[in-house]
Amino acid sequence: MESNFKRALILENYEKPLNKGLLNDNSYLRENKNNSSCIDNFDIELKVEDGIIKDIRFDGEACAIATSSMSISIGLLIGKTKEEALKIIENYENMIDEKEYDKDLIKDLNAYDDIYRQPARKKCATLGISGIKDLIEKSE
C-alpha cells in the first residue's frame, strides 16, 4: 500500500470515523478499552445476531491511529460471522506483531503494516480491535 494512500485513509477515518456514537441499546454488548499510557479510551458496543456481526459502535477520545484503526475495523467486520471476524482480527494482530499474515484478508488495515517501527503505537493500532475481539468472544 502506497504511503500517501495510507496517510489519506488514516486521516479520513480519523476525521469521519464510521459508527462513532453509542446507541445505549440493551441488545448490544458493551466494553470499555483504554490505553494507560495515553488518552486513548473507547466505549464499544457490539450486536451479534445468529452468529453474524450486525453492528459495532464506539465513542471516546483517542489519537488518529486508534480512531482510524477502529473505524476501518468496523467497516471490515460488520456483516461477518464471528469466526470470519476472529480470523481477520488474528491476521491483523499478526501483522502488528510482525508475524505471518494474510494481506488480502485484512484489506485496508494494511495501512498499519509499518506500525512496528513505532512500538509505542502498537497499542493505539490494536486498542479498538482488541475490544471488539473481547466482545465477540463474550457473545453467545
N, C-alpha and C. Protein backbone atom coordinates (compact mmCIF):
# COMPACT_ATOMS: atom_id res chain seq x y z
N MET A 1 0.84 -1.17 0.00
CA MET A 1 0.00 0.00 0.00
C MET A 1 0.90 1.24 0.00
N GLU A 2 0.65 2.13 -0.91
CA GLU A 2 1.46 3.34 -1.08
C GLU A 2 1.29 4.29 0.11
N SER A 3 2.36 4.93 0.53
CA SER A 3 2.34 5.72 1.77
C SER A 3 1.39 6.91 1.74
N ASN A 4 1.24 7.59 0.61
CA ASN A 4 0.28 8.70 0.55
C ASN A 4 -1.15 8.20 0.68
N PHE A 5 -1.43 7.03 0.10
CA PHE A 5 -2.76 6.44 0.23
C PHE A 5 -3.01 6.06 1.69
N LYS A 6 -2.01 5.48 2.34
CA LYS A 6 -2.14 5.11 3.76
C LYS A 6 -2.49 6.33 4.60
N ARG A 7 -1.73 7.42 4.41
CA ARG A 7 -1.96 8.64 5.17
C ARG A 7 -3.37 9.17 4.95
N ALA A 8 -3.80 9.19 3.69
CA ALA A 8 -5.14 9.70 3.37
C ALA A 8 -6.23 8.82 4.00
N LEU A 9 -6.05 7.51 3.94
CA LEU A 9 -7.00 6.57 4.51
C LEU A 9 -7.09 6.76 6.03
N ILE A 10 -5.95 6.87 6.68
CA ILE A 10 -5.92 7.06 8.13
C ILE A 10 -6.56 8.39 8.51
N LEU A 11 -6.22 9.45 7.81
CA LEU A 11 -6.77 10.78 8.11
C LEU A 11 -8.28 10.82 7.90
N GLU A 12 -8.76 10.25 6.80
CA GLU A 12 -10.20 10.24 6.52
C GLU A 12 -10.97 9.49 7.60
N ASN A 13 -10.45 8.34 8.04
CA ASN A 13 -11.12 7.56 9.07
C ASN A 13 -10.97 8.16 10.46
N TYR A 14 -10.00 9.03 10.65
CA TYR A 14 -9.87 9.77 11.91
C TYR A 14 -10.86 10.93 11.94
N GLU A 15 -10.95 11.67 10.83
CA GLU A 15 -11.82 12.84 10.78
C GLU A 15 -13.29 12.49 10.68
N LYS A 16 -13.61 11.39 10.00
CA LYS A 16 -15.00 10.96 9.81
C LYS A 16 -15.12 9.46 10.12
N PRO A 17 -14.94 9.09 11.38
CA PRO A 17 -14.96 7.66 11.72
C PRO A 17 -16.35 7.04 11.54
N LEU A 18 -16.33 5.82 11.09
CA LEU A 18 -17.54 5.04 10.89
C LEU A 18 -18.14 4.64 12.24
N ASN A 19 -19.45 4.82 12.38
CA ASN A 19 -20.22 4.36 13.54
C ASN A 19 -19.78 4.94 14.87
N LYS A 20 -19.32 6.18 14.85
CA LYS A 20 -18.98 6.83 16.13
C LYS A 20 -20.26 7.34 16.77
N GLY A 21 -20.45 6.99 18.00
CA GLY A 21 -21.64 7.35 18.75
C GLY A 21 -22.33 6.09 19.23
N LEU A 22 -22.62 6.05 20.51
CA LEU A 22 -23.22 4.86 21.11
C LEU A 22 -24.73 4.93 21.04
N LEU A 23 -25.37 3.76 21.02
CA LEU A 23 -26.82 3.68 20.99
C LEU A 23 -27.40 3.42 22.38
N ASN A 24 -26.58 2.90 23.29
CA ASN A 24 -27.04 2.53 24.63
C ASN A 24 -28.29 1.66 24.57
N ASP A 25 -28.23 0.67 23.68
CA ASP A 25 -29.32 -0.28 23.45
C ASP A 25 -28.96 -1.56 24.19
N ASN A 26 -29.89 -2.08 24.96
CA ASN A 26 -29.63 -3.29 25.76
C ASN A 26 -29.36 -4.54 24.94
N SER A 27 -29.65 -4.51 23.64
CA SER A 27 -29.37 -5.68 22.80
C SER A 27 -27.91 -5.73 22.37
N TYR A 28 -27.14 -4.72 22.74
CA TYR A 28 -25.71 -4.66 22.41
C TYR A 28 -24.89 -5.06 23.63
N LEU A 29 -23.78 -5.77 23.39
CA LEU A 29 -22.78 -5.99 24.43
C LEU A 29 -21.93 -4.73 24.48
N ARG A 30 -21.38 -4.44 25.64
CA ARG A 30 -20.61 -3.20 25.78
C ARG A 30 -19.33 -3.44 26.56
N GLU A 31 -18.29 -2.73 26.17
CA GLU A 31 -16.99 -2.86 26.84
C GLU A 31 -16.24 -1.53 26.74
N ASN A 32 -15.40 -1.27 27.73
CA ASN A 32 -14.51 -0.11 27.69
C ASN A 32 -13.09 -0.60 27.51
N LYS A 33 -12.35 0.06 26.65
CA LYS A 33 -10.93 -0.22 26.45
C LYS A 33 -10.18 1.10 26.54
N ASN A 34 -9.07 1.08 27.25
CA ASN A 34 -8.26 2.28 27.32
C ASN A 34 -6.79 1.94 27.33
N ASN A 35 -6.00 2.93 26.98
CA ASN A 35 -4.55 2.79 26.93
C ASN A 35 -4.00 3.59 28.10
N SER A 36 -3.45 2.92 29.08
CA SER A 36 -2.98 3.58 30.29
C SER A 36 -1.82 4.54 30.05
N SER A 37 -1.17 4.44 28.90
CA SER A 37 -0.01 5.31 28.65
C SER A 37 -0.36 6.56 27.83
N CYS A 38 -1.66 6.72 27.47
CA CYS A 38 -2.06 7.92 26.73
C CYS A 38 -3.55 8.17 26.94
N ILE A 39 -4.15 9.03 26.11
CA ILE A 39 -5.55 9.40 26.29
C ILE A 39 -6.54 8.42 25.67
N ASP A 40 -6.08 7.45 24.90
CA ASP A 40 -6.99 6.57 24.17
C ASP A 40 -7.95 5.86 25.11
N ASN A 41 -9.26 6.06 24.87
CA ASN A 41 -10.29 5.48 25.71
C ASN A 41 -11.55 5.30 24.87
N PHE A 42 -11.97 4.06 24.66
CA PHE A 42 -13.15 3.75 23.86
C PHE A 42 -14.19 3.01 24.67
N ASP A 43 -15.44 3.39 24.48
CA ASP A 43 -16.57 2.55 24.85
C ASP A 43 -17.02 1.92 23.54
N ILE A 44 -17.20 0.61 23.55
CA ILE A 44 -17.50 -0.14 22.33
C ILE A 44 -18.80 -0.92 22.54
N GLU A 45 -19.66 -0.89 21.52
CA GLU A 45 -20.89 -1.68 21.53
C GLU A 45 -20.88 -2.63 20.35
N LEU A 46 -21.33 -3.85 20.58
CA LEU A 46 -21.36 -4.89 19.54
C LEU A 46 -22.71 -5.58 19.57
N LYS A 47 -23.27 -5.77 18.39
CA LYS A 47 -24.53 -6.52 18.28
C LYS A 47 -24.28 -7.71 17.36
N VAL A 48 -24.55 -8.90 17.87
CA VAL A 48 -24.42 -10.14 17.11
C VAL A 48 -25.78 -10.82 17.10
N GLU A 49 -26.24 -11.21 15.91
CA GLU A 49 -27.49 -11.97 15.78
C GLU A 49 -27.22 -13.18 14.90
N ASP A 50 -27.62 -14.33 15.39
CA ASP A 50 -27.44 -15.58 14.64
C ASP A 50 -26.00 -15.78 14.16
N GLY A 51 -25.05 -15.42 15.01
CA GLY A 51 -23.64 -15.62 14.70
C GLY A 51 -23.05 -14.60 13.73
N ILE A 52 -23.83 -13.58 13.33
CA ILE A 52 -23.36 -12.56 12.39
C ILE A 52 -23.23 -11.23 13.13
N ILE A 53 -22.14 -10.53 12.88
CA ILE A 53 -21.95 -9.20 13.48
C ILE A 53 -22.84 -8.23 12.72
N LYS A 54 -23.84 -7.73 13.41
CA LYS A 54 -24.82 -6.82 12.80
C LYS A 54 -24.41 -5.36 12.93
N ASP A 55 -23.74 -5.02 14.03
CA ASP A 55 -23.36 -3.62 14.24
C ASP A 55 -22.23 -3.54 15.25
N ILE A 56 -21.40 -2.53 15.06
CA ILE A 56 -20.34 -2.19 16.02
C ILE A 56 -20.34 -0.67 16.10
N ARG A 57 -20.35 -0.15 17.29
CA ARG A 57 -20.34 1.29 17.51
C ARG A 57 -19.28 1.62 18.56
N PHE A 58 -18.82 2.85 18.56
CA PHE A 58 -17.85 3.25 19.58
C PHE A 58 -17.95 4.74 19.85
N ASP A 59 -17.41 5.13 20.97
CA ASP A 59 -17.27 6.55 21.30
C ASP A 59 -16.11 6.68 22.26
N GLY A 60 -15.61 7.87 22.38
CA GLY A 60 -14.49 8.13 23.27
C GLY A 60 -13.50 9.07 22.65
N GLU A 61 -12.40 9.24 23.33
CA GLU A 61 -11.33 10.12 22.89
C GLU A 61 -10.10 9.28 22.61
N ALA A 62 -9.48 9.53 21.46
CA ALA A 62 -8.31 8.74 21.10
C ALA A 62 -7.53 9.44 19.99
N CYS A 63 -6.30 9.00 19.81
CA CYS A 63 -5.42 9.55 18.78
C CYS A 63 -5.88 9.11 17.39
N ALA A 64 -5.21 9.64 16.37
CA ALA A 64 -5.56 9.34 14.98
C ALA A 64 -5.40 7.86 14.66
N ILE A 65 -4.35 7.23 15.16
CA ILE A 65 -4.12 5.81 14.88
C ILE A 65 -5.22 4.95 15.51
N ALA A 66 -5.53 5.20 16.77
CA ALA A 66 -6.56 4.40 17.45
C ALA A 66 -7.93 4.61 16.81
N THR A 67 -8.29 5.85 16.55
CA THR A 67 -9.61 6.14 15.99
C THR A 67 -9.75 5.60 14.58
N SER A 68 -8.75 5.83 13.75
CA SER A 68 -8.85 5.37 12.35
C SER A 68 -8.83 3.85 12.26
N SER A 69 -8.00 3.19 13.06
CA SER A 69 -7.97 1.72 13.00
C SER A 69 -9.30 1.13 13.50
N MET A 70 -9.92 1.78 14.47
CA MET A 70 -11.24 1.34 14.93
C MET A 70 -12.27 1.50 13.81
N SER A 71 -12.27 2.63 13.15
CA SER A 71 -13.22 2.89 12.06
C SER A 71 -13.05 1.89 10.92
N ILE A 72 -11.82 1.65 10.50
CA ILE A 72 -11.54 0.70 9.42
C ILE A 72 -11.95 -0.72 9.84
N SER A 73 -11.66 -1.07 11.08
CA SER A 73 -12.04 -2.40 11.60
C SER A 73 -13.54 -2.59 11.56
N ILE A 74 -14.28 -1.58 11.98
CA ILE A 74 -15.74 -1.66 11.99
C ILE A 74 -16.26 -1.93 10.58
N GLY A 75 -15.76 -1.18 9.61
CA GLY A 75 -16.18 -1.37 8.23
C GLY A 75 -15.88 -2.75 7.70
N LEU A 76 -14.81 -3.32 8.16
CA LEU A 76 -14.38 -4.64 7.70
C LEU A 76 -15.13 -5.78 8.40
N LEU A 77 -15.54 -5.58 9.64
CA LEU A 77 -16.09 -6.68 10.44
C LEU A 77 -17.62 -6.79 10.42
N ILE A 78 -18.33 -5.69 10.20
CA ILE A 78 -19.79 -5.77 10.16
C ILE A 78 -20.21 -6.65 8.99
N GLY A 79 -21.13 -7.57 9.28
CA GLY A 79 -21.62 -8.49 8.26
C GLY A 79 -20.88 -9.82 8.24
N LYS A 80 -19.81 -9.92 8.97
CA LYS A 80 -19.02 -11.16 9.03
C LYS A 80 -19.58 -12.07 10.12
N THR A 81 -19.34 -13.37 9.96
CA THR A 81 -19.64 -14.29 11.05
C THR A 81 -18.60 -14.03 12.14
N LYS A 82 -18.91 -14.52 13.32
CA LYS A 82 -17.95 -14.36 14.42
C LYS A 82 -16.63 -15.02 14.05
N GLU A 83 -16.68 -16.18 13.42
CA GLU A 83 -15.47 -16.91 13.05
C GLU A 83 -14.65 -16.14 12.02
N GLU A 84 -15.34 -15.59 11.01
CA GLU A 84 -14.63 -14.78 10.00
C GLU A 84 -13.98 -13.56 10.64
N ALA A 85 -14.72 -12.91 11.53
CA ALA A 85 -14.19 -11.72 12.20
C ALA A 85 -12.96 -12.05 13.04
N LEU A 86 -13.03 -13.14 13.78
CA LEU A 86 -11.88 -13.53 14.62
C LEU A 86 -10.66 -13.87 13.76
N LYS A 87 -10.88 -14.43 12.58
CA LYS A 87 -9.76 -14.73 11.67
C LYS A 87 -9.13 -13.44 11.14
N ILE A 88 -9.95 -12.46 10.81
CA ILE A 88 -9.45 -11.16 10.37
C ILE A 88 -8.65 -10.51 11.49
N ILE A 89 -9.21 -10.52 12.69
CA ILE A 89 -8.53 -9.92 13.85
C ILE A 89 -7.20 -10.61 14.11
N GLU A 90 -7.19 -11.93 14.05
CA GLU A 90 -5.94 -12.68 14.27
C GLU A 90 -4.88 -12.27 13.24
N ASN A 91 -5.27 -12.15 11.99
CA ASN A 91 -4.31 -11.77 10.95
C ASN A 91 -3.82 -10.33 11.15
N TYR A 92 -4.70 -9.45 11.57
CA TYR A 92 -4.28 -8.06 11.86
C TYR A 92 -3.30 -8.03 13.02
N GLU A 93 -3.62 -8.74 14.08
CA GLU A 93 -2.71 -8.79 15.23
C GLU A 93 -1.36 -9.40 14.83
N ASN A 94 -1.39 -10.41 13.97
CA ASN A 94 -0.13 -11.00 13.49
C ASN A 94 0.69 -9.97 12.72
N MET A 95 0.03 -9.17 11.87
CA MET A 95 0.75 -8.14 11.14
C MET A 95 1.41 -7.16 12.10
N ILE A 96 0.66 -6.70 13.08
CA ILE A 96 1.18 -5.74 14.06
C ILE A 96 2.37 -6.34 14.81
N ASP A 97 2.32 -7.64 15.09
CA ASP A 97 3.39 -8.32 15.83
C ASP A 97 4.48 -8.87 14.92
N GLU A 98 4.45 -8.49 13.64
CA GLU A 98 5.46 -8.90 12.65
C GLU A 98 5.51 -10.41 12.46
N LYS A 99 4.34 -11.03 12.49
CA LYS A 99 4.23 -12.47 12.23
C LYS A 99 3.59 -12.64 10.85
N GLU A 100 3.54 -13.88 10.40
CA GLU A 100 2.93 -14.17 9.10
C GLU A 100 1.43 -13.86 9.14
N TYR A 101 0.93 -13.24 8.06
CA TYR A 101 -0.49 -12.89 7.99
C TYR A 101 -0.94 -12.82 6.53
N ASP A 102 -2.25 -12.84 6.33
CA ASP A 102 -2.85 -12.78 5.00
C ASP A 102 -3.23 -11.33 4.69
N LYS A 103 -2.45 -10.69 3.82
CA LYS A 103 -2.68 -9.29 3.45
C LYS A 103 -4.06 -9.08 2.85
N ASP A 104 -4.51 -10.03 2.05
CA ASP A 104 -5.80 -9.89 1.37
C ASP A 104 -6.97 -9.91 2.34
N LEU A 105 -6.81 -10.63 3.42
CA LEU A 105 -7.88 -10.79 4.39
C LEU A 105 -8.13 -9.50 5.19
N ILE A 106 -7.08 -8.74 5.46
CA ILE A 106 -7.25 -7.56 6.33
C ILE A 106 -7.44 -6.26 5.55
N LYS A 107 -7.43 -6.31 4.25
CA LYS A 107 -7.77 -5.20 3.37
C LYS A 107 -7.15 -3.87 3.82
N ASP A 108 -7.98 -2.86 4.11
CA ASP A 108 -7.47 -1.51 4.43
C ASP A 108 -6.69 -1.45 5.74
N LEU A 109 -6.79 -2.46 6.59
CA LEU A 109 -5.97 -2.48 7.81
C LEU A 109 -4.49 -2.62 7.48
N ASN A 110 -4.17 -2.94 6.22
CA ASN A 110 -2.77 -2.95 5.79
C ASN A 110 -2.13 -1.56 5.91
N ALA A 111 -2.92 -0.54 6.10
CA ALA A 111 -2.40 0.82 6.28
C ALA A 111 -1.47 0.90 7.49
N TYR A 112 -1.59 -0.04 8.40
CA TYR A 112 -0.79 -0.04 9.64
C TYR A 112 0.36 -1.05 9.58
N ASP A 113 0.74 -1.46 8.38
CA ASP A 113 1.74 -2.52 8.24
C ASP A 113 3.15 -2.13 8.69
N ASP A 114 3.39 -0.84 8.88
CA ASP A 114 4.72 -0.44 9.35
C ASP A 114 4.68 0.15 10.77
N ILE A 115 3.59 -0.09 11.48
CA ILE A 115 3.44 0.44 12.84
C ILE A 115 4.48 -0.18 13.79
N TYR A 116 5.00 -1.34 13.43
CA TYR A 116 6.02 -1.99 14.27
C TYR A 116 7.25 -1.09 14.44
N ARG A 117 7.44 -0.15 13.54
CA ARG A 117 8.59 0.78 13.64
C ARG A 117 8.43 1.76 14.79
N GLN A 118 7.21 1.85 15.30
CA GLN A 118 6.91 2.72 16.43
C GLN A 118 6.24 1.88 17.52
N PRO A 119 7.02 1.13 18.27
CA PRO A 119 6.45 0.19 19.24
C PRO A 119 5.40 0.79 20.18
N ALA A 120 5.55 2.05 20.54
CA ALA A 120 4.59 2.68 21.45
C ALA A 120 3.22 2.84 20.79
N ARG A 121 3.15 2.79 19.47
CA ARG A 121 1.89 2.97 18.74
C ARG A 121 1.15 1.65 18.51
N LYS A 122 1.78 0.52 18.81
CA LYS A 122 1.11 -0.77 18.62
C LYS A 122 -0.19 -0.84 19.41
N LYS A 123 -0.16 -0.36 20.64
CA LYS A 123 -1.37 -0.37 21.48
C LYS A 123 -2.45 0.51 20.87
N CYS A 124 -2.06 1.64 20.29
CA CYS A 124 -3.03 2.52 19.62
C CYS A 124 -3.71 1.79 18.46
N ALA A 125 -2.90 1.10 17.68
CA ALA A 125 -3.41 0.41 16.48
C ALA A 125 -4.26 -0.80 16.79
N THR A 126 -4.17 -1.32 18.01
CA THR A 126 -4.92 -2.54 18.35
C THR A 126 -5.97 -2.33 19.44
N LEU A 127 -6.05 -1.14 20.00
CA LEU A 127 -6.97 -0.91 21.12
C LEU A 127 -8.41 -1.25 20.76
N GLY A 128 -8.91 -0.68 19.69
CA GLY A 128 -10.30 -0.91 19.31
C GLY A 128 -10.59 -2.34 18.92
N ILE A 129 -9.73 -2.90 18.11
CA ILE A 129 -9.97 -4.25 17.62
C ILE A 129 -9.85 -5.28 18.75
N SER A 130 -9.05 -4.99 19.76
CA SER A 130 -8.97 -5.93 20.89
C SER A 130 -10.26 -5.87 21.70
N GLY A 131 -10.88 -4.70 21.79
CA GLY A 131 -12.17 -4.60 22.45
C GLY A 131 -13.25 -5.34 21.68
N ILE A 132 -13.23 -5.19 20.35
CA ILE A 132 -14.19 -5.92 19.51
C ILE A 132 -14.00 -7.42 19.69
N LYS A 133 -12.75 -7.87 19.70
CA LYS A 133 -12.45 -9.29 19.88
C LYS A 133 -13.01 -9.79 21.22
N ASP A 134 -12.78 -9.03 22.28
CA ASP A 134 -13.31 -9.42 23.60
C ASP A 134 -14.82 -9.59 23.57
N LEU A 135 -15.50 -8.65 22.91
CA LEU A 135 -16.96 -8.71 22.84
C LEU A 135 -17.44 -9.88 21.99
N ILE A 136 -16.76 -10.15 20.88
CA ILE A 136 -17.13 -11.30 20.05
C ILE A 136 -17.01 -12.59 20.88
N GLU A 137 -15.92 -12.70 21.61
CA GLU A 137 -15.70 -13.91 22.41
C GLU A 137 -16.72 -14.04 23.54
N LYS A 138 -17.28 -12.92 24.02
CA LYS A 138 -18.29 -12.96 25.08
C LYS A 138 -19.70 -13.22 24.54
N SER A 139 -19.88 -12.98 23.23
CA SER A 139 -21.23 -13.11 22.66
C SER A 139 -21.63 -14.58 22.56
N GLU A 140 -22.92 -14.81 22.56
CA GLU A 140 -23.43 -16.19 22.51
C GLU A 140 -23.39 -16.75 21.12
